[in-house]
Amino acid sequence: MTPTAVLDIIDQARRQEARSGTFLEQMKRRSQQLPESVVVQDDDPGLCLFQFAIEYIEVAPRLIDCVETCAHDARIYWLFEPFVQAAIRYFTQPSVMLTRYDGLDGLLIKAYLCHRLMEEMYENNYSIRSSQLVDVEATQANLVAHHLIGEPFANELDESITITVIQIAGSPDYYDLNLAPFVEQARDDAWQQMRQHWEQLLSRNQIRFALGPGLDDDAEE
């Protein structure tokens, strides 16, 4: 299976949602349950969260394709292939624990697994982590998705990611492995477009993070 197959699965779920409206109603309910740290600055927060979730889902195959392309161009695809294939299988061969989730609801969960796996891939190698390829906005988007999925299930998903990463790159050798060739390839135009998408994903959907009482993203020092 390829990232294109993932796009086909997403397209089918969107057509299903157009008929049912189930996921939109779910996001409207979730908008009433967000923590104080997540602020939706719009009169229709449910719709904003719905649009955010759609974009979050759709960027997953693009991220898979971007990592795959950069790894091939750097001639070290064999190191990244286990991550790429695991991310694709979340969509094409989901585990038993995900069988009762379908449509966009299920795809949000699968996209979350994909994005979190890639995030952990970056964190578990020093040369990638220190490159700052992943911006804080990507981490924040994952946090929003975590809340939309809901606890304790989202925590269970995080635990499954930890297990997967240990299985793929559990050796300390992976942390010290020099993946600078991948980092150099990831500085091309395609990756920059990916970063720009992450940077704008929250703001485009009127979502921001409040830092605490009396402090927020817009506060002046």
N, C-alpha and C. Protein backbone atom coordinates (compact mmCIF):
# COMPACT_ATOMS: atom_id res chain seq x y z
N MET A 1 0.84 -1.20 0.00
CA MET A 1 0.00 0.00 0.00
C MET A 1 0.88 1.26 0.00
N THR A 2 0.33 2.35 -0.50
CA THR A 2 1.07 3.59 -0.65
C THR A 2 0.28 4.75 -0.04
N PRO A 3 0.91 5.92 0.12
CA PRO A 3 0.15 7.09 0.58
C PRO A 3 -1.06 7.40 -0.28
N THR A 4 -1.01 7.06 -1.58
CA THR A 4 -2.16 7.28 -2.45
C THR A 4 -3.36 6.46 -2.00
N ALA A 5 -3.10 5.24 -1.54
CA ALA A 5 -4.18 4.39 -1.03
C ALA A 5 -4.82 5.02 0.20
N VAL A 6 -4.00 5.68 1.01
CA VAL A 6 -4.52 6.38 2.19
C VAL A 6 -5.45 7.51 1.77
N LEU A 7 -5.06 8.26 0.74
CA LEU A 7 -5.90 9.36 0.24
C LEU A 7 -7.25 8.83 -0.25
N ASP A 8 -7.25 7.66 -0.87
CA ASP A 8 -8.50 7.06 -1.34
C ASP A 8 -9.41 6.72 -0.16
N ILE A 9 -8.83 6.21 0.92
CA ILE A 9 -9.60 5.88 2.12
C ILE A 9 -10.20 7.14 2.73
N ILE A 10 -9.44 8.21 2.76
CA ILE A 10 -9.92 9.48 3.30
C ILE A 10 -11.06 10.03 2.45
N ASP A 11 -10.91 9.96 1.13
CA ASP A 11 -11.95 10.45 0.23
C ASP A 11 -13.26 9.70 0.44
N GLN A 12 -13.18 8.41 0.64
CA GLN A 12 -14.38 7.61 0.89
C GLN A 12 -15.06 8.04 2.19
N ALA A 13 -14.27 8.29 3.22
CA ALA A 13 -14.83 8.71 4.51
C ALA A 13 -15.48 10.08 4.41
N ARG A 14 -14.92 10.97 3.62
CA ARG A 14 -15.51 12.30 3.45
C ARG A 14 -16.87 12.21 2.76
N ARG A 15 -16.98 11.32 1.80
CA ARG A 15 -18.27 11.14 1.13
C ARG A 15 -19.30 10.58 2.11
N GLN A 16 -18.86 9.69 2.97
CA GLN A 16 -19.74 9.13 3.99
C GLN A 16 -20.21 10.21 4.96
N GLU A 17 -19.30 11.09 5.35
CA GLU A 17 -19.64 12.17 6.28
C GLU A 17 -20.60 13.16 5.64
N ALA A 18 -20.46 13.41 4.33
CA ALA A 18 -21.36 14.33 3.63
C ALA A 18 -22.80 13.84 3.70
N ARG A 19 -22.97 12.52 3.78
CA ARG A 19 -24.32 11.96 3.86
C ARG A 19 -24.86 11.94 5.29
N SER A 20 -23.98 11.70 6.27
CA SER A 20 -24.44 11.48 7.65
C SER A 20 -24.31 12.69 8.57
N GLY A 21 -23.22 13.46 8.42
CA GLY A 21 -22.97 14.59 9.33
C GLY A 21 -22.61 14.16 10.74
N THR A 22 -22.30 12.88 10.94
CA THR A 22 -22.03 12.33 12.27
C THR A 22 -20.79 12.95 12.91
N PHE A 23 -19.74 13.08 12.13
CA PHE A 23 -18.47 13.57 12.70
C PHE A 23 -18.59 15.04 13.08
N LEU A 24 -19.29 15.83 12.28
CA LEU A 24 -19.50 17.23 12.62
C LEU A 24 -20.22 17.36 13.96
N GLU A 25 -21.23 16.55 14.17
CA GLU A 25 -21.95 16.58 15.45
C GLU A 25 -21.03 16.18 16.60
N GLN A 26 -20.16 15.23 16.34
CA GLN A 26 -19.21 14.82 17.38
C GLN A 26 -18.27 15.96 17.74
N MET A 27 -17.80 16.70 16.73
CA MET A 27 -16.89 17.82 16.99
C MET A 27 -17.61 18.94 17.74
N LYS A 28 -18.89 19.13 17.47
CA LYS A 28 -19.65 20.14 18.21
C LYS A 28 -19.73 19.77 19.69
N ARG A 29 -19.89 18.48 19.97
CA ARG A 29 -19.91 18.04 21.38
C ARG A 29 -18.53 18.21 22.00
N ARG A 30 -17.51 17.87 21.25
CA ARG A 30 -16.15 17.99 21.78
C ARG A 30 -15.78 19.44 22.08
N SER A 31 -16.34 20.35 21.31
CA SER A 31 -16.02 21.77 21.52
C SER A 31 -16.45 22.26 22.90
N GLN A 32 -17.39 21.54 23.51
CA GLN A 32 -17.85 21.90 24.85
C GLN A 32 -17.02 21.24 25.95
N GLN A 33 -16.06 20.41 25.55
CA GLN A 33 -15.29 19.63 26.52
C GLN A 33 -13.80 19.90 26.46
N LEU A 34 -13.40 20.93 25.74
CA LEU A 34 -11.97 21.22 25.60
C LEU A 34 -11.40 21.77 26.91
N PRO A 35 -10.14 21.50 27.20
CA PRO A 35 -9.51 22.10 28.38
C PRO A 35 -9.35 23.60 28.18
N GLU A 36 -9.15 24.32 29.26
CA GLU A 36 -9.02 25.78 29.17
C GLU A 36 -7.81 26.21 28.34
N SER A 37 -6.85 25.34 28.20
CA SER A 37 -5.63 25.69 27.47
C SER A 37 -5.86 25.75 25.96
N VAL A 38 -6.94 25.12 25.48
CA VAL A 38 -7.25 25.14 24.04
C VAL A 38 -8.42 26.10 23.81
N VAL A 39 -8.17 27.17 23.07
CA VAL A 39 -9.16 28.22 22.86
C VAL A 39 -9.53 28.28 21.38
N VAL A 40 -10.83 28.21 21.09
CA VAL A 40 -11.32 28.36 19.72
C VAL A 40 -12.03 29.71 19.63
N GLN A 41 -11.44 30.62 18.89
CA GLN A 41 -11.94 31.99 18.82
C GLN A 41 -12.89 32.16 17.64
N ASP A 42 -14.07 31.56 17.76
CA ASP A 42 -15.06 31.64 16.68
C ASP A 42 -16.43 31.37 17.28
N ASP A 43 -17.45 31.90 16.63
CA ASP A 43 -18.82 31.70 17.10
C ASP A 43 -19.30 30.26 16.91
N ASP A 44 -18.62 29.51 16.05
CA ASP A 44 -19.00 28.12 15.80
C ASP A 44 -17.76 27.24 16.01
N PRO A 45 -17.37 27.02 17.27
CA PRO A 45 -16.15 26.25 17.53
C PRO A 45 -16.22 24.83 17.01
N GLY A 46 -17.41 24.24 17.01
CA GLY A 46 -17.54 22.87 16.51
C GLY A 46 -17.14 22.76 15.05
N LEU A 47 -17.55 23.74 14.25
CA LEU A 47 -17.19 23.74 12.83
C LEU A 47 -15.68 23.94 12.66
N CYS A 48 -15.09 24.81 13.48
CA CYS A 48 -13.63 25.03 13.41
C CYS A 48 -12.88 23.74 13.71
N LEU A 49 -13.32 23.02 14.75
CA LEU A 49 -12.68 21.76 15.10
C LEU A 49 -12.88 20.72 14.01
N PHE A 50 -14.05 20.73 13.39
CA PHE A 50 -14.32 19.82 12.28
C PHE A 50 -13.35 20.08 11.13
N GLN A 51 -13.20 21.35 10.76
CA GLN A 51 -12.30 21.70 9.65
C GLN A 51 -10.85 21.39 10.01
N PHE A 52 -10.49 21.66 11.27
CA PHE A 52 -9.14 21.31 11.72
C PHE A 52 -8.90 19.81 11.57
N ALA A 53 -9.85 19.00 12.04
CA ALA A 53 -9.70 17.55 11.99
C ALA A 53 -9.55 17.04 10.56
N ILE A 54 -10.33 17.61 9.64
CA ILE A 54 -10.24 17.22 8.23
C ILE A 54 -8.84 17.49 7.70
N GLU A 55 -8.32 18.69 7.95
CA GLU A 55 -6.98 19.03 7.48
C GLU A 55 -5.92 18.17 8.14
N TYR A 56 -6.09 17.90 9.43
CA TYR A 56 -5.15 17.07 10.18
C TYR A 56 -5.10 15.67 9.59
N ILE A 57 -6.25 15.15 9.22
CA ILE A 57 -6.32 13.82 8.60
C ILE A 57 -5.66 13.85 7.23
N GLU A 58 -5.99 14.86 6.42
CA GLU A 58 -5.51 14.89 5.04
C GLU A 58 -4.01 15.11 4.94
N VAL A 59 -3.41 15.74 5.93
CA VAL A 59 -1.97 15.98 5.86
C VAL A 59 -1.17 14.73 6.21
N ALA A 60 -1.80 13.73 6.82
CA ALA A 60 -1.08 12.52 7.21
C ALA A 60 -0.43 11.81 6.02
N PRO A 61 -1.16 11.51 4.94
CA PRO A 61 -0.48 10.87 3.80
C PRO A 61 0.56 11.76 3.16
N ARG A 62 0.36 13.07 3.21
CA ARG A 62 1.38 13.98 2.68
C ARG A 62 2.66 13.90 3.51
N LEU A 63 2.51 13.77 4.82
CA LEU A 63 3.68 13.64 5.69
C LEU A 63 4.40 12.32 5.41
N ILE A 64 3.63 11.24 5.27
CA ILE A 64 4.23 9.95 4.96
C ILE A 64 5.02 10.04 3.66
N ASP A 65 4.42 10.64 2.64
CA ASP A 65 5.07 10.76 1.34
C ASP A 65 6.32 11.61 1.42
N CYS A 66 6.27 12.67 2.24
CA CYS A 66 7.41 13.57 2.38
C CYS A 66 8.58 12.85 3.04
N VAL A 67 8.31 12.12 4.11
CA VAL A 67 9.37 11.36 4.79
C VAL A 67 9.94 10.30 3.85
N GLU A 68 9.07 9.61 3.13
CA GLU A 68 9.51 8.56 2.21
C GLU A 68 10.40 9.13 1.12
N THR A 69 9.98 10.25 0.54
CA THR A 69 10.75 10.87 -0.54
C THR A 69 12.12 11.34 -0.07
N CYS A 70 12.15 12.01 1.09
CA CYS A 70 13.41 12.52 1.62
C CYS A 70 14.36 11.37 1.96
N ALA A 71 13.82 10.30 2.49
CA ALA A 71 14.65 9.14 2.86
C ALA A 71 15.22 8.48 1.60
N HIS A 72 14.41 8.37 0.55
CA HIS A 72 14.90 7.81 -0.72
C HIS A 72 16.01 8.70 -1.29
N ASP A 73 15.76 10.01 -1.33
CA ASP A 73 16.73 10.93 -1.91
C ASP A 73 18.03 10.95 -1.12
N ALA A 74 17.94 10.69 0.18
CA ALA A 74 19.14 10.65 1.02
C ALA A 74 19.83 9.29 0.96
N ARG A 75 19.23 8.35 0.23
CA ARG A 75 19.76 6.99 0.07
C ARG A 75 19.84 6.23 1.38
N ILE A 76 18.91 6.51 2.29
CA ILE A 76 18.86 5.77 3.55
C ILE A 76 17.41 5.36 3.85
N TYR A 77 16.68 5.03 2.79
CA TYR A 77 15.27 4.67 2.98
C TYR A 77 15.13 3.46 3.89
N TRP A 78 16.07 2.53 3.86
CA TRP A 78 15.96 1.32 4.67
C TRP A 78 15.82 1.65 6.16
N LEU A 79 16.37 2.78 6.59
CA LEU A 79 16.25 3.18 7.99
C LEU A 79 14.86 3.71 8.32
N PHE A 80 14.22 4.33 7.35
CA PHE A 80 12.91 4.96 7.58
C PHE A 80 11.74 4.08 7.15
N GLU A 81 12.03 3.06 6.36
CA GLU A 81 10.96 2.21 5.84
C GLU A 81 10.06 1.63 6.94
N PRO A 82 10.60 1.15 8.07
CA PRO A 82 9.71 0.62 9.11
C PRO A 82 8.73 1.66 9.63
N PHE A 83 9.17 2.92 9.75
CA PHE A 83 8.27 3.98 10.20
C PHE A 83 7.20 4.27 9.13
N VAL A 84 7.63 4.37 7.89
CA VAL A 84 6.71 4.66 6.79
C VAL A 84 5.66 3.57 6.66
N GLN A 85 6.10 2.32 6.68
CA GLN A 85 5.16 1.21 6.52
C GLN A 85 4.20 1.11 7.71
N ALA A 86 4.71 1.36 8.92
CA ALA A 86 3.84 1.34 10.10
C ALA A 86 2.77 2.43 10.00
N ALA A 87 3.17 3.62 9.53
CA ALA A 87 2.22 4.73 9.39
C ALA A 87 1.14 4.40 8.36
N ILE A 88 1.53 3.79 7.26
CA ILE A 88 0.55 3.42 6.23
C ILE A 88 -0.40 2.35 6.76
N ARG A 89 0.13 1.39 7.52
CA ARG A 89 -0.71 0.30 8.03
C ARG A 89 -1.77 0.80 9.01
N TYR A 90 -1.52 1.92 9.67
CA TYR A 90 -2.55 2.47 10.55
C TYR A 90 -3.85 2.69 9.77
N PHE A 91 -3.71 3.07 8.49
CA PHE A 91 -4.88 3.34 7.66
C PHE A 91 -5.36 2.10 6.91
N THR A 92 -4.43 1.32 6.39
CA THR A 92 -4.80 0.22 5.51
C THR A 92 -5.01 -1.11 6.23
N GLN A 93 -4.34 -1.30 7.36
CA GLN A 93 -4.48 -2.55 8.13
C GLN A 93 -4.56 -2.22 9.62
N PRO A 94 -5.62 -1.50 10.04
CA PRO A 94 -5.71 -1.07 11.44
C PRO A 94 -5.80 -2.25 12.40
N SER A 95 -5.34 -2.03 13.61
CA SER A 95 -5.35 -3.07 14.63
C SER A 95 -6.77 -3.36 15.09
N VAL A 96 -6.92 -4.44 15.81
CA VAL A 96 -8.23 -4.86 16.30
C VAL A 96 -8.86 -3.79 17.18
N MET A 97 -8.02 -3.05 17.94
CA MET A 97 -8.55 -2.04 18.85
C MET A 97 -9.24 -0.89 18.11
N LEU A 98 -9.02 -0.79 16.80
CA LEU A 98 -9.61 0.31 16.03
C LEU A 98 -10.78 -0.13 15.15
N THR A 99 -11.13 -1.40 15.19
CA THR A 99 -12.14 -1.90 14.26
C THR A 99 -13.52 -1.28 14.47
N ARG A 100 -13.84 -0.84 15.68
CA ARG A 100 -15.17 -0.28 15.91
C ARG A 100 -15.26 1.20 15.54
N TYR A 101 -14.15 1.79 15.12
CA TYR A 101 -14.14 3.20 14.72
C TYR A 101 -14.08 3.28 13.20
N ASP A 102 -15.03 3.98 12.59
CA ASP A 102 -15.02 4.10 11.14
C ASP A 102 -15.25 5.56 10.74
N GLY A 103 -15.33 5.80 9.44
CA GLY A 103 -15.54 7.15 8.96
C GLY A 103 -14.43 8.10 9.40
N LEU A 104 -14.76 9.38 9.49
CA LEU A 104 -13.77 10.38 9.87
C LEU A 104 -13.34 10.23 11.33
N ASP A 105 -14.22 9.71 12.16
CA ASP A 105 -13.87 9.44 13.55
C ASP A 105 -12.69 8.48 13.61
N GLY A 106 -12.78 7.38 12.87
CA GLY A 106 -11.69 6.42 12.83
C GLY A 106 -10.45 6.98 12.18
N LEU A 107 -10.64 7.80 11.14
CA LEU A 107 -9.48 8.37 10.44
C LEU A 107 -8.73 9.38 11.31
N LEU A 108 -9.45 10.10 12.17
CA LEU A 108 -8.77 11.02 13.08
C LEU A 108 -7.85 10.24 14.01
N ILE A 109 -8.31 9.10 14.49
CA ILE A 109 -7.49 8.26 15.36
C ILE A 109 -6.26 7.75 14.61
N LYS A 110 -6.48 7.29 13.38
CA LYS A 110 -5.37 6.75 12.59
C LYS A 110 -4.37 7.84 12.21
N ALA A 111 -4.89 9.04 11.89
CA ALA A 111 -4.00 10.16 11.58
C ALA A 111 -3.19 10.55 12.81
N TYR A 112 -3.84 10.52 13.98
CA TYR A 112 -3.14 10.83 15.22
C TYR A 112 -1.99 9.84 15.45
N LEU A 113 -2.26 8.56 15.24
CA LEU A 113 -1.21 7.55 15.37
C LEU A 113 -0.07 7.82 14.41
N CYS A 114 -0.41 8.16 13.17
CA CYS A 114 0.61 8.46 12.17
C CYS A 114 1.47 9.65 12.57
N HIS A 115 0.82 10.75 12.94
CA HIS A 115 1.56 11.96 13.31
C HIS A 115 2.39 11.76 14.57
N ARG A 116 1.84 11.05 15.54
CA ARG A 116 2.59 10.82 16.77
C ARG A 116 3.77 9.89 16.53
N LEU A 117 3.61 8.91 15.64
CA LEU A 117 4.73 8.03 15.32
C LEU A 117 5.87 8.82 14.70
N MET A 118 5.54 9.70 13.76
CA MET A 118 6.57 10.52 13.12
C MET A 118 7.21 11.47 14.13
N GLU A 119 6.40 12.02 15.04
CA GLU A 119 6.93 12.89 16.07
C GLU A 119 7.94 12.15 16.93
N GLU A 120 7.60 10.93 17.32
CA GLU A 120 8.50 10.13 18.14
C GLU A 120 9.74 9.72 17.35
N MET A 121 9.60 9.52 16.05
CA MET A 121 10.75 9.21 15.21
C MET A 121 11.77 10.34 15.28
N TYR A 122 11.28 11.59 15.21
CA TYR A 122 12.17 12.74 15.31
C TYR A 122 12.83 12.78 16.68
N GLU A 123 12.03 12.59 17.73
CA GLU A 123 12.53 12.72 19.09
C GLU A 123 13.55 11.65 19.45
N ASN A 124 13.48 10.51 18.78
CA ASN A 124 14.34 9.39 19.16
C ASN A 124 15.62 9.30 18.34
N ASN A 125 15.93 10.35 17.59
CA ASN A 125 17.24 10.42 16.94
C ASN A 125 17.81 11.82 17.14
N TYR A 126 19.01 11.89 17.66
CA TYR A 126 19.60 13.18 18.04
C TYR A 126 19.76 14.10 16.83
N SER A 127 20.25 13.57 15.70
CA SER A 127 20.53 14.43 14.56
C SER A 127 19.26 15.03 13.96
N ILE A 128 18.15 14.29 14.02
CA ILE A 128 16.88 14.83 13.51
C ILE A 128 16.29 15.79 14.53
N ARG A 129 16.30 15.39 15.80
CA ARG A 129 15.70 16.23 16.82
C ARG A 129 16.38 17.60 16.89
N SER A 130 17.71 17.62 16.78
CA SER A 130 18.43 18.89 16.89
C SER A 130 18.31 19.74 15.64
N SER A 131 17.74 19.18 14.58
CA SER A 131 17.62 19.94 13.32
C SER A 131 16.45 20.91 13.32
N GLN A 132 15.53 20.75 14.28
CA GLN A 132 14.33 21.59 14.38
C GLN A 132 13.46 21.49 13.13
N LEU A 133 13.40 20.29 12.56
CA LEU A 133 12.52 20.08 11.41
C LEU A 133 11.06 20.17 11.80
N VAL A 134 10.77 19.81 13.04
CA VAL A 134 9.39 19.80 13.52
C VAL A 134 9.15 21.02 14.40
N ASP A 135 8.17 21.82 14.05
CA ASP A 135 7.87 23.04 14.80
C ASP A 135 6.91 22.76 15.95
N VAL A 136 6.84 23.72 16.86
CA VAL A 136 5.96 23.57 18.01
C VAL A 136 4.50 23.45 17.56
N GLU A 137 4.16 24.05 16.41
CA GLU A 137 2.77 23.98 15.94
C GLU A 137 2.34 22.54 15.64
N ALA A 138 3.28 21.70 15.18
CA ALA A 138 2.94 20.30 14.92
C ALA A 138 2.61 19.59 16.22
N THR A 139 3.41 19.87 17.25
CA THR A 139 3.14 19.27 18.56
C THR A 139 1.81 19.76 19.11
N GLN A 140 1.51 21.04 18.94
CA GLN A 140 0.24 21.58 19.41
C GLN A 140 -0.94 20.97 18.66
N ALA A 141 -0.78 20.76 17.36
CA ALA A 141 -1.85 20.13 16.59
C ALA A 141 -2.11 18.72 17.11
N ASN A 142 -1.05 18.00 17.45
CA ASN A 142 -1.23 16.66 18.02
C ASN A 142 -1.94 16.72 19.36
N LEU A 143 -1.68 17.76 20.14
CA LEU A 143 -2.36 17.91 21.42
C LEU A 143 -3.85 18.17 21.22
N VAL A 144 -4.19 18.98 20.23
CA VAL A 144 -5.60 19.23 19.95
C VAL A 144 -6.28 17.93 19.53
N ALA A 145 -5.63 17.19 18.64
CA ALA A 145 -6.19 15.90 18.20
C ALA A 145 -6.36 14.95 19.38
N HIS A 146 -5.40 14.97 20.30
CA HIS A 146 -5.49 14.15 21.52
C HIS A 146 -6.77 14.45 22.29
N HIS A 147 -7.07 15.74 22.43
CA HIS A 147 -8.28 16.14 23.16
C HIS A 147 -9.54 15.78 22.38
N LEU A 148 -9.48 15.88 21.06
CA LEU A 148 -10.66 15.56 20.25
C LEU A 148 -10.97 14.05 20.31
N ILE A 149 -9.94 13.25 20.39
CA ILE A 149 -10.13 11.80 20.53
C ILE A 149 -10.67 11.48 21.91
N GLY A 150 -10.11 12.16 22.91
CA GLY A 150 -10.60 11.98 24.27
C GLY A 150 -9.81 10.97 25.07
N GLU A 151 -9.72 11.25 26.36
CA GLU A 151 -9.06 10.33 27.27
C GLU A 151 -10.11 9.42 27.90
N PRO A 152 -9.70 8.21 28.30
CA PRO A 152 -8.33 7.68 28.37
C PRO A 152 -7.85 7.03 27.08
N PHE A 153 -8.72 6.97 26.04
CA PHE A 153 -8.34 6.25 24.83
C PHE A 153 -7.11 6.85 24.17
N ALA A 154 -7.03 8.19 24.12
CA ALA A 154 -5.87 8.83 23.50
C ALA A 154 -4.58 8.46 24.22
N ASN A 155 -4.67 8.30 25.54
CA ASN A 155 -3.49 7.87 26.29
C ASN A 155 -3.08 6.45 25.92
N GLU A 156 -4.07 5.60 25.68
CA GLU A 156 -3.78 4.24 25.25
C GLU A 156 -3.09 4.24 23.88
N LEU A 157 -3.52 5.14 23.01
CA LEU A 157 -2.88 5.26 21.70
C LEU A 157 -1.42 5.70 21.85
N ASP A 158 -1.18 6.64 22.77
CA ASP A 158 0.20 7.08 23.01
C ASP A 158 1.07 5.93 23.50
N GLU A 159 0.50 5.09 24.35
CA GLU A 159 1.25 3.94 24.85
C GLU A 159 1.58 2.96 23.73
N SER A 160 0.63 2.80 22.80
CA SER A 160 0.89 1.89 21.67
C SER A 160 2.00 2.44 20.77
N ILE A 161 2.05 3.78 20.63
CA ILE A 161 3.12 4.40 19.85
C ILE A 161 4.47 4.14 20.49
N THR A 162 4.54 4.27 21.81
CA THR A 162 5.78 4.01 22.53
C THR A 162 6.28 2.59 22.26
N ILE A 163 5.36 1.64 22.29
CA ILE A 163 5.72 0.24 22.03
C ILE A 163 6.24 0.08 20.61
N THR A 164 5.55 0.71 19.65
CA THR A 164 5.96 0.61 18.25
C THR A 164 7.35 1.19 18.04
N VAL A 165 7.63 2.34 18.64
CA VAL A 165 8.94 2.98 18.48
C VAL A 165 10.03 2.12 19.09
N ILE A 166 9.75 1.52 20.23
CA ILE A 166 10.73 0.63 20.86
C ILE A 166 11.03 -0.56 19.95
N GLN A 167 10.00 -1.07 19.30
CA GLN A 167 10.18 -2.20 18.40
C GLN A 167 10.99 -1.82 17.17
N ILE A 168 10.78 -0.59 16.68
CA ILE A 168 11.47 -0.16 15.46
C ILE A 168 12.86 0.38 15.76
N ALA A 169 12.96 1.20 16.77
CA ALA A 169 14.23 1.91 17.04
C ALA A 169 14.54 1.91 18.52
N GLY A 170 14.38 0.77 19.15
CA GLY A 170 14.59 0.69 20.59
C GLY A 170 16.04 0.71 21.01
N SER A 171 16.93 0.48 20.07
CA SER A 171 18.36 0.44 20.41
C SER A 171 18.91 1.85 20.60
N PRO A 172 19.78 2.04 21.60
CA PRO A 172 20.43 3.35 21.78
C PRO A 172 21.23 3.77 20.54
N ASP A 173 21.61 2.78 19.72
CA ASP A 173 22.36 3.10 18.51
C ASP A 173 21.56 4.00 17.58
N TYR A 174 20.23 3.85 17.58
CA TYR A 174 19.41 4.67 16.71
C TYR A 174 19.47 6.14 17.13
N TYR A 175 19.51 6.38 18.43
CA TYR A 175 19.58 7.76 18.92
C TYR A 175 20.84 8.45 18.42
N ASP A 176 21.95 7.73 18.39
CA ASP A 176 23.23 8.33 18.00
C ASP A 176 23.52 8.21 16.51
N LEU A 177 22.65 7.54 15.77
CA LEU A 177 22.88 7.35 14.35
C LEU A 177 22.85 8.69 13.63
N ASN A 178 23.81 8.91 12.76
CA ASN A 178 23.89 10.18 12.03
C ASN A 178 22.94 10.16 10.84
N LEU A 179 21.83 10.86 10.97
CA LEU A 179 20.85 10.94 9.89
C LEU A 179 20.88 12.31 9.22
N ALA A 180 22.05 12.94 9.25
CA ALA A 180 22.20 14.26 8.61
C ALA A 180 21.82 14.25 7.13
N PRO A 181 22.10 13.17 6.37
CA PRO A 181 21.66 13.17 4.96
C PRO A 181 20.15 13.33 4.81
N PHE A 182 19.38 12.73 5.72
CA PHE A 182 17.93 12.89 5.68
C PHE A 182 17.56 14.34 6.00
N VAL A 183 18.21 14.90 7.01
CA VAL A 183 17.92 16.28 7.41
C VAL A 183 18.17 17.24 6.25
N GLU A 184 19.26 17.02 5.52
CA GLU A 184 19.58 17.90 4.39
C GLU A 184 18.51 17.79 3.31
N GLN A 185 18.06 16.57 3.02
CA GLN A 185 17.01 16.40 2.02
C GLN A 185 15.70 17.02 2.50
N ALA A 186 15.48 16.99 3.81
CA ALA A 186 14.23 17.51 4.36
C ALA A 186 14.17 19.03 4.37
N ARG A 187 15.23 19.67 3.95
CA ARG A 187 15.20 21.12 3.88
C ARG A 187 14.79 21.61 2.49
N ASP A 188 14.28 20.69 1.67
CA ASP A 188 13.87 21.09 0.32
C ASP A 188 12.49 21.75 0.34
N ASP A 189 12.01 22.12 -0.82
CA ASP A 189 10.75 22.86 -0.92
C ASP A 189 9.56 22.08 -0.37
N ALA A 190 9.53 20.77 -0.63
CA ALA A 190 8.39 19.96 -0.20
C ALA A 190 8.24 19.98 1.32
N TRP A 191 9.36 19.86 2.01
CA TRP A 191 9.29 19.86 3.47
C TRP A 191 8.94 21.25 4.00
N GLN A 192 9.43 22.28 3.33
CA GLN A 192 9.09 23.63 3.75
C GLN A 192 7.59 23.89 3.61
N GLN A 193 6.99 23.34 2.57
CA GLN A 193 5.55 23.47 2.42
C GLN A 193 4.82 22.76 3.55
N MET A 194 5.37 21.62 3.96
CA MET A 194 4.79 20.88 5.08
C MET A 194 4.86 21.71 6.36
N ARG A 195 6.00 22.34 6.59
CA ARG A 195 6.16 23.17 7.79
C ARG A 195 5.19 24.35 7.77
N GLN A 196 5.04 24.97 6.61
CA GLN A 196 4.11 26.09 6.50
C GLN A 196 2.67 25.66 6.79
N HIS A 197 2.34 24.45 6.36
CA HIS A 197 1.00 23.94 6.64
C HIS A 197 0.79 23.79 8.14
N TRP A 198 1.77 23.21 8.84
CA TRP A 198 1.65 23.06 10.29
C TRP A 198 1.54 24.42 10.97
N GLU A 199 2.35 25.37 10.52
CA GLU A 199 2.37 26.69 11.15
C GLU A 199 1.02 27.38 11.06
N GLN A 200 0.28 27.10 9.98
CA GLN A 200 -0.98 27.80 9.73
C GLN A 200 -2.21 26.98 10.11
N LEU A 201 -2.02 25.70 10.43
CA LEU A 201 -3.17 24.82 10.66
C LEU A 201 -4.04 25.30 11.81
N LEU A 202 -3.44 25.65 12.94
CA LEU A 202 -4.23 26.09 14.09
C LEU A 202 -4.84 27.47 13.84
N SER A 203 -4.01 28.41 13.40
CA SER A 203 -4.51 29.78 13.22
C SER A 203 -5.59 29.84 12.14
N ARG A 204 -5.43 29.04 11.09
CA ARG A 204 -6.42 29.03 10.01
C ARG A 204 -7.79 28.58 10.51
N ASN A 205 -7.79 27.77 11.56
CA ASN A 205 -9.05 27.27 12.12
C ASN A 205 -9.39 27.92 13.46
N GLN A 206 -8.80 29.09 13.72
CA GLN A 206 -9.15 29.92 14.88
C GLN A 206 -8.86 29.22 16.21
N ILE A 207 -7.82 28.38 16.23
CA ILE A 207 -7.46 27.66 17.45
C ILE A 207 -6.13 28.18 17.97
N ARG A 208 -6.07 28.42 19.26
CA ARG A 208 -4.80 28.82 19.87
C ARG A 208 -4.69 28.20 21.26
N PHE A 209 -3.48 28.25 21.80
CA PHE A 209 -3.23 27.72 23.13
C PHE A 209 -3.05 28.87 24.12
N ALA A 210 -3.78 28.81 25.22
CA ALA A 210 -3.60 29.76 26.31
C ALA A 210 -2.57 29.17 27.27
N LEU A 211 -1.63 29.99 27.70
CA LEU A 211 -0.53 29.49 28.53
C LEU A 211 -0.89 29.38 29.99
N GLY A 212 -1.93 30.07 30.42
CA GLY A 212 -2.32 30.01 31.82
C GLY A 212 -3.08 31.25 32.20
N PRO A 213 -3.55 31.34 33.45
CA PRO A 213 -4.30 32.52 33.90
C PRO A 213 -3.50 33.80 33.68
N GLY A 214 -4.07 34.69 32.88
CA GLY A 214 -3.42 35.97 32.65
C GLY A 214 -2.33 35.94 31.60
N LEU A 215 -2.06 34.72 31.06
CA LEU A 215 -1.02 34.57 30.06
C LEU A 215 -1.60 33.87 28.86
N ASP A 216 -1.33 34.35 27.65
CA ASP A 216 -1.73 33.63 26.45
C ASP A 216 -0.76 33.96 25.34
N ASP A 217 -1.04 33.40 24.16
CA ASP A 217 -0.12 33.55 23.04
C ASP A 217 0.05 35.01 22.64
N ASP A 218 -0.96 35.84 22.96
CA ASP A 218 -0.90 37.23 22.50
C ASP A 218 -0.37 38.17 23.55
N ALA A 219 -0.04 37.61 24.72
CA ALA A 219 0.38 38.48 25.82
C ALA A 219 1.73 39.11 25.52
N GLU A 220 1.87 40.34 25.93
CA GLU A 220 3.13 41.03 25.74
C GLU A 220 3.97 40.87 27.01
N GLU A 221 5.29 40.80 26.81
CA GLU A 221 6.19 40.71 27.97
C GLU A 221 6.31 42.06 28.63
